[in-house]
Structure formats: C-alpha cells, structure tokens
PDB file of N, CA and C in Angstrom:
ATOM      1  N   MET A   1      11.306  -2.511  -6.881  1.00  0.00           N
ATOM      2  CA  MET A   1       9.955  -2.038  -6.744  1.00  0.00           C
ATOM      3  C   MET A   1       9.720  -1.695  -5.276  1.00  0.00           C
ATOM      4  N   SER A   2       9.436  -0.434  -4.992  1.00  0.00           N
ATOM      5  CA  SER A   2       9.277  -0.023  -3.606  1.00  0.00           C
ATOM      6  C   SER A   2       7.916  -0.442  -3.065  1.00  0.00           C
ATOM      7  N   ASN A   3       7.846  -0.511  -1.769  1.00  0.00           N
ATOM      8  CA  ASN A   3       6.614  -0.910  -1.100  1.00  0.00           C
ATOM      9  C   ASN A   3       5.837   0.355  -0.751  1.00  0.00           C
ATOM     10  N   GLN A   4       5.322   1.058  -1.796  1.00  0.00           N
ATOM     11  CA  GLN A   4       4.671   2.335  -1.611  1.00  0.00           C
ATOM     12  C   GLN A   4       3.488   2.458  -2.564  1.00  0.00           C
ATOM     13  N   CYS A   5       2.402   3.070  -2.087  1.00  0.00           N
ATOM     14  CA  CYS A   5       1.216   3.282  -2.909  1.00  0.00           C
ATOM     15  C   CYS A   5       1.490   4.382  -3.919  1.00  0.00           C
ATOM     16  N   SER A   6       1.076   4.187  -5.175  1.00  0.00           N
ATOM     17  CA  SER A   6       1.312   5.165  -6.227  1.00  0.00           C
ATOM     18  C   SER A   6       0.403   6.373  -6.100  1.00  0.00           C
ATOM     19  N   VAL A   7      -0.716   6.247  -5.388  1.00  0.00           N
ATOM     20  CA  VAL A   7      -1.688   7.327  -5.293  1.00  0.00           C
ATOM     21  C   VAL A   7      -1.460   8.189  -4.056  1.00  0.00           C
ATOM     22  N   CYS A   8      -1.487   7.562  -2.878  1.00  0.00           N
ATOM     23  CA  CYS A   8      -1.419   8.343  -1.634  1.00  0.00           C
ATOM     24  C   CYS A   8      -0.022   8.373  -1.019  1.00  0.00           C
ATOM     25  N   GLY A   9       0.881   7.512  -1.485  1.00  0.00           N
ATOM     26  CA  GLY A   9       2.242   7.509  -0.951  1.00  0.00           C
ATOM     27  C   GLY A   9       2.410   6.728   0.338  1.00  0.00           C
ATOM     28  N   LYS A  10       1.399   5.945   0.704  1.00  0.00           N
ATOM     29  CA  LYS A  10       1.498   5.141   1.922  1.00  0.00           C
ATOM     30  C   LYS A  10       2.644   4.154   1.763  1.00  0.00           C
ATOM     31  N   ARG A  11       3.472   4.016   2.817  1.00  0.00           N
ATOM     32  CA  ARG A  11       4.624   3.121   2.747  1.00  0.00           C
ATOM     33  C   ARG A  11       4.777   2.345   4.041  1.00  0.00           C
ATOM     34  N   SER A  12       5.765   1.480   4.090  1.00  0.00           N
ATOM     35  CA  SER A  12       5.988   0.659   5.278  1.00  0.00           C
ATOM     36  C   SER A  12       6.321   1.534   6.472  1.00  0.00           C
ATOM     37  N   SER A  13       5.823   1.113   7.650  1.00  0.00           N
ATOM     38  CA  SER A  13       6.181   1.803   8.878  1.00  0.00           C
ATOM     39  C   SER A  13       6.691   0.762   9.875  1.00  0.00           C
ATOM     40  N   VAL A  14       7.375   1.214  10.903  1.00  0.00           N
ATOM     41  CA  VAL A  14       7.975   0.293  11.864  1.00  0.00           C
ATOM     42  C   VAL A  14       7.318   0.449  13.216  1.00  0.00           C
ATOM     43  N   GLY A  15       7.362  -0.627  13.987  1.00  0.00           N
ATOM     44  CA  GLY A  15       6.799  -0.621  15.331  1.00  0.00           C
ATOM     45  C   GLY A  15       7.326  -1.814  16.094  1.00  0.00           C
ATOM     46  N   HIS A  16       6.596  -2.230  17.089  1.00  0.00           N
ATOM     47  CA  HIS A  16       7.009  -3.339  17.924  1.00  0.00           C
ATOM     48  C   HIS A  16       5.943  -4.423  17.947  1.00  0.00           C
ATOM     49  N   THR A  17       6.396  -5.675  18.023  1.00  0.00           N
ATOM     50  CA  THR A  17       5.535  -6.778  18.404  1.00  0.00           C
ATOM     51  C   THR A  17       5.701  -6.912  19.909  1.00  0.00           C
ATOM     52  N   VAL A  18       4.597  -6.894  20.639  1.00  0.00           N
ATOM     53  CA  VAL A  18       4.661  -6.941  22.102  1.00  0.00           C
ATOM     54  C   VAL A  18       4.123  -8.279  22.570  1.00  0.00           C
ATOM     55  N   SER A  19       4.950  -9.022  23.291  1.00  0.00           N
ATOM     56  CA  SER A  19       4.549 -10.328  23.801  1.00  0.00           C
ATOM     57  C   SER A  19       3.777 -10.171  25.109  1.00  0.00           C
ATOM     58  N   LYS A  20       3.257 -11.280  25.604  1.00  0.00           N
ATOM     59  CA  LYS A  20       2.506 -11.254  26.867  1.00  0.00           C
ATOM     60  C   LYS A  20       3.397 -10.851  28.035  1.00  0.00           C
ATOM     61  N   ALA A  21       4.692 -11.148  27.923  1.00  0.00           N
ATOM     62  CA  ALA A  21       5.653 -10.771  28.957  1.00  0.00           C
ATOM     63  C   ALA A  21       6.192  -9.357  28.722  1.00  0.00           C
ATOM     64  N   ASN A  22       5.581  -8.621  27.792  1.00  0.00           N
ATOM     65  CA  ASN A  22       5.924  -7.242  27.456  1.00  0.00           C
ATOM     66  C   ASN A  22       7.321  -7.115  26.858  1.00  0.00           C
ATOM     67  N   ASN A  23       7.811  -8.200  26.202  1.00  0.00           N
ATOM     68  CA  ASN A  23       9.050  -8.096  25.445  1.00  0.00           C
ATOM     69  C   ASN A  23       8.714  -7.450  24.112  1.00  0.00           C
ATOM     70  N   LYS A  24       9.563  -6.534  23.656  1.00  0.00           N
ATOM     71  CA  LYS A  24       9.292  -5.829  22.414  1.00  0.00           C
ATOM     72  C   LYS A  24      10.359  -6.168  21.379  1.00  0.00           C
ATOM     73  N   THR A  25       9.902  -6.569  20.183  1.00  0.00           N
ATOM     74  CA  THR A  25      10.811  -6.822  19.070  1.00  0.00           C
ATOM     75  C   THR A  25      10.357  -5.992  17.884  1.00  0.00           C
ATOM     76  N   LYS A  26      11.309  -5.535  17.104  1.00  0.00           N
ATOM     77  CA  LYS A  26      11.004  -4.691  15.949  1.00  0.00           C
ATOM     78  C   LYS A  26      10.254  -5.477  14.886  1.00  0.00           C
ATOM     79  N   ARG A  27       9.317  -4.803  14.206  1.00  0.00           N
ATOM     80  CA  ARG A  27       8.620  -5.388  13.073  1.00  0.00           C
ATOM     81  C   ARG A  27       8.215  -4.273  12.129  1.00  0.00           C
ATOM     82  N   THR A  28       7.836  -4.652  10.903  1.00  0.00           N
ATOM     83  CA  THR A  28       7.381  -3.662   9.933  1.00  0.00           C
ATOM     84  C   THR A  28       5.913  -3.910   9.616  1.00  0.00           C
ATOM     85  N   PHE A  29       5.177  -2.818   9.428  1.00  0.00           N
ATOM     86  CA  PHE A  29       3.792  -2.867   9.004  1.00  0.00           C
ATOM     87  C   PHE A  29       3.776  -2.467   7.534  1.00  0.00           C
ATOM     88  N   LYS A  30       3.371  -3.389   6.662  1.00  0.00           N
ATOM     89  CA  LYS A  30       3.394  -3.116   5.228  1.00  0.00           C
ATOM     90  C   LYS A  30       1.989  -2.800   4.733  1.00  0.00           C
ATOM     91  N   PRO A  31       1.856  -1.855   3.798  1.00  0.00           N
ATOM     92  CA  PRO A  31       0.533  -1.560   3.257  1.00  0.00           C
ATOM     93  C   PRO A  31       0.052  -2.695   2.361  1.00  0.00           C
ATOM     94  N   ASN A  32      -1.261  -2.838   2.253  1.00  0.00           N
ATOM     95  CA  ASN A  32      -1.866  -3.880   1.428  1.00  0.00           C
ATOM     96  C   ASN A  32      -1.943  -3.346  -0.004  1.00  0.00           C
ATOM     97  N   LEU A  33      -0.916  -3.628  -0.799  1.00  0.00           N
ATOM     98  CA  LEU A  33      -0.836  -3.110  -2.165  1.00  0.00           C
ATOM     99  C   LEU A  33      -1.331  -4.140  -3.164  1.00  0.00           C
ATOM    100  N   GLN A  34      -2.075  -3.662  -4.146  1.00  0.00           N
ATOM    101  CA  GLN A  34      -2.585  -4.503  -5.221  1.00  0.00           C
ATOM    102  C   GLN A  34      -2.142  -3.909  -6.552  1.00  0.00           C
ATOM    103  N   ARG A  35      -1.878  -4.777  -7.521  1.00  0.00           N
ATOM    104  CA  ARG A  35      -1.535  -4.309  -8.867  1.00  0.00           C
ATOM    105  C   ARG A  35      -2.821  -4.051  -9.633  1.00  0.00           C
ATOM    106  N   VAL A  36      -2.978  -2.830 -10.166  1.00  0.00           N
ATOM    107  CA  VAL A  36      -4.212  -2.432 -10.828  1.00  0.00           C
ATOM    108  C   VAL A  36      -3.871  -1.810 -12.168  1.00  0.00           C
ATOM    109  N   ARG A  37      -4.678  -2.149 -13.196  1.00  0.00           N
ATOM    110  CA  ARG A  37      -4.531  -1.493 -14.491  1.00  0.00           C
ATOM    111  C   ARG A  37      -5.360  -0.212 -14.470  1.00  0.00           C
ATOM    112  N   VAL A  38      -4.755   0.911 -14.882  1.00  0.00           N
ATOM    113  CA  VAL A  38      -5.376   2.222 -14.764  1.00  0.00           C
ATOM    114  C   VAL A  38      -5.313   2.938 -16.103  1.00  0.00           C
ATOM    115  N   HIS A  39      -6.398   3.656 -16.450  1.00  0.00           N
ATOM    116  CA  HIS A  39      -6.383   4.525 -17.632  1.00  0.00           C
ATOM    117  C   HIS A  39      -5.624   5.791 -17.286  1.00  0.00           C
ATOM    118  N   ARG A  40      -4.572   6.080 -18.025  1.00  0.00           N
ATOM    119  CA  ARG A  40      -3.797   7.304 -17.811  1.00  0.00           C
ATOM    120  C   ARG A  40      -3.245   7.791 -19.131  1.00  0.00           C
ATOM    121  N   SER A  41      -3.387   9.058 -19.385  1.00  0.00           N
ATOM    122  CA  SER A  41      -2.825   9.750 -20.558  1.00  0.00           C
ATOM    123  C   SER A  41      -3.003   8.959 -21.853  1.00  0.00           C
ATOM    124  N   GLY A  42      -4.227   8.571 -22.137  1.00  0.00           N
ATOM    125  CA  GLY A  42      -4.536   7.917 -23.398  1.00  0.00           C
ATOM    126  C   GLY A  42      -4.192   6.441 -23.477  1.00  0.00           C
ATOM    127  N   GLY A  43      -3.658   5.865 -22.413  1.00  0.00           N
ATOM    128  CA  GLY A  43      -3.308   4.444 -22.432  1.00  0.00           C
ATOM    129  C   GLY A  43      -3.563   3.821 -21.078  1.00  0.00           C
ATOM    130  N   THR A  44      -3.155   2.578 -20.956  1.00  0.00           N
ATOM    131  CA  THR A  44      -3.292   1.911 -19.667  1.00  0.00           C
ATOM    132  C   THR A  44      -1.911   1.639 -19.107  1.00  0.00           C
ATOM    133  N   GLU A  45      -1.809   1.712 -17.790  1.00  0.00           N
ATOM    134  CA  GLU A  45      -0.558   1.343 -17.134  1.00  0.00           C
ATOM    135  C   GLU A  45      -0.875   0.642 -15.830  1.00  0.00           C
ATOM    136  N   ARG A  46       0.077  -0.099 -15.330  1.00  0.00           N
ATOM    137  CA  ARG A  46      -0.101  -0.843 -14.095  1.00  0.00           C
ATOM    138  C   ARG A  46       0.505  -0.067 -12.938  1.00  0.00           C
ATOM    139  N   LEU A  47      -0.277   0.070 -11.878  1.00  0.00           N
ATOM    140  CA  LEU A  47       0.186   0.759 -10.681  1.00  0.00           C
ATOM    141  C   LEU A  47       0.026  -0.162  -9.480  1.00  0.00           C
ATOM    142  N   ARG A  48       0.796   0.104  -8.437  1.00  0.00           N
ATOM    143  CA  ARG A  48       0.617  -0.585  -7.159  1.00  0.00           C
ATOM    144  C   ARG A  48      -0.134   0.379  -6.250  1.00  0.00           C
ATOM    145  N   VAL A  49      -1.364   0.009  -5.907  1.00  0.00           N
ATOM    146  CA  VAL A  49      -2.256   0.891  -5.178  1.00  0.00           C
ATOM    147  C   VAL A  49      -2.711   0.192  -3.905  1.00  0.00           C
ATOM    148  N   CYS A  50      -2.805   0.952  -2.798  1.00  0.00           N
ATOM    149  CA  CYS A  50      -3.271   0.358  -1.546  1.00  0.00           C
ATOM    150  C   CYS A  50      -4.781   0.163  -1.603  1.00  0.00           C
ATOM    151  N   THR A  51      -5.273  -0.765  -0.804  1.00  0.00           N
ATOM    152  CA  THR A  51      -6.694  -1.092  -0.829  1.00  0.00           C
ATOM    153  C   THR A  51      -7.549   0.062  -0.308  1.00  0.00           C
ATOM    154  N   GLY A  52      -6.988   0.941   0.504  1.00  0.00           N
ATOM    155  CA  GLY A  52      -7.732   2.103   0.970  1.00  0.00           C
ATOM    156  C   GLY A  52      -8.080   3.041  -0.175  1.00  0.00           C
ATOM    157  N   CYS A  53      -7.147   3.232  -1.105  1.00  0.00           N
ATOM    158  CA  CYS A  53      -7.395   4.068  -2.279  1.00  0.00           C
ATOM    159  C   CYS A  53      -8.381   3.396  -3.232  1.00  0.00           C
ATOM    160  N   LEU A  54      -8.298   2.074  -3.361  1.00  0.00           N
ATOM    161  CA  LEU A  54      -9.243   1.354  -4.209  1.00  0.00           C
ATOM    162  C   LEU A  54     -10.660   1.466  -3.661  1.00  0.00           C
ATOM    163  N   LYS A  55     -10.806   1.320  -2.351  1.00  0.00           N
ATOM    164  CA  LYS A  55     -12.121   1.373  -1.732  1.00  0.00           C
ATOM    165  C   LYS A  55     -12.715   2.774  -1.808  1.00  0.00           C
ATOM    166  N   ALA A  56     -11.868   3.812  -1.752  1.00  0.00           N
ATOM    167  CA  ALA A  56     -12.322   5.193  -1.818  1.00  0.00           C
ATOM    168  C   ALA A  56     -12.485   5.691  -3.249  1.00  0.00           C
ATOM    169  N   ASN A  57     -12.274   4.817  -4.233  1.00  0.00           N
ATOM    170  CA  ASN A  57     -12.374   5.157  -5.663  1.00  0.00           C
ATOM    171  C   ASN A  57     -11.469   6.322  -6.062  1.00  0.00           C
ATOM    172  N   LYS A  58     -10.246   6.325  -5.565  1.00  0.00           N
ATOM    173  CA  LYS A  58      -9.287   7.358  -5.949  1.00  0.00           C
ATOM    174  C   LYS A  58      -8.592   7.016  -7.258  1.00  0.00           C
ATOM    175  N   VAL A  59      -8.906   5.832  -7.810  1.00  0.00           N
ATOM    176  CA  VAL A  59      -8.266   5.355  -9.034  1.00  0.00           C
ATOM    177  C   VAL A  59      -9.351   4.959 -10.021  1.00  0.00           C
ATOM    178  N   GLN A  60      -9.208   5.365 -11.286  1.00  0.00           N
ATOM    179  CA  GLN A  60     -10.120   4.939 -12.350  1.00  0.00           C
ATOM    180  C   GLN A  60      -9.562   3.663 -12.970  1.00  0.00           C
ATOM    181  N   LYS A  61     -10.155   2.523 -12.614  1.00  0.00           N
ATOM    182  CA  LYS A  61      -9.641   1.240 -13.093  1.00  0.00           C
ATOM    183  C   LYS A  61      -9.962   1.051 -14.566  1.00  0.00           C
ATOM    184  N   ALA A  62      -9.119   0.269 -15.224  1.00  0.00           N
ATOM    185  CA  ALA A  62      -9.299  -0.016 -16.646  1.00  0.00           C
ATOM    186  C   ALA A  62     -10.299  -1.134 -16.840  1.00  0.00           C
TER     187      ALA A  62
END
C-alpha cells in the first residue's frame, strides 16, 4: 500500500532535520492519510485520502 493520496496524488517528500548546531540529517515528510469509505460507481470502496482533500470536500463520503 503506497503512501499516496487517492484524490490529489500527494505523496511522501524528503528534506532535512536541522539541529541547533546546523547539522542536517535526512528525513521524510509523510502526508496525513485517512481511510475513508466513498460512494463510487454504484457501490462503496475504501480509499486513502489526505486530510486536505477531506477538508476541501473533494470526496463524497459514504
């Protein structure tokens, strides 16, 4: 199961954690995905949707 939003395609991105001494270590920023039941094509299915899409009502919840 990939770490990607089913609606907008938002996925993990990479960056740095920066310490007070300005040391940089790699880290990943993961999207806040929630499992949602959605009405689609005459039935319901479960999708992994980011909270930004849920808040913007881009998904018709079941």
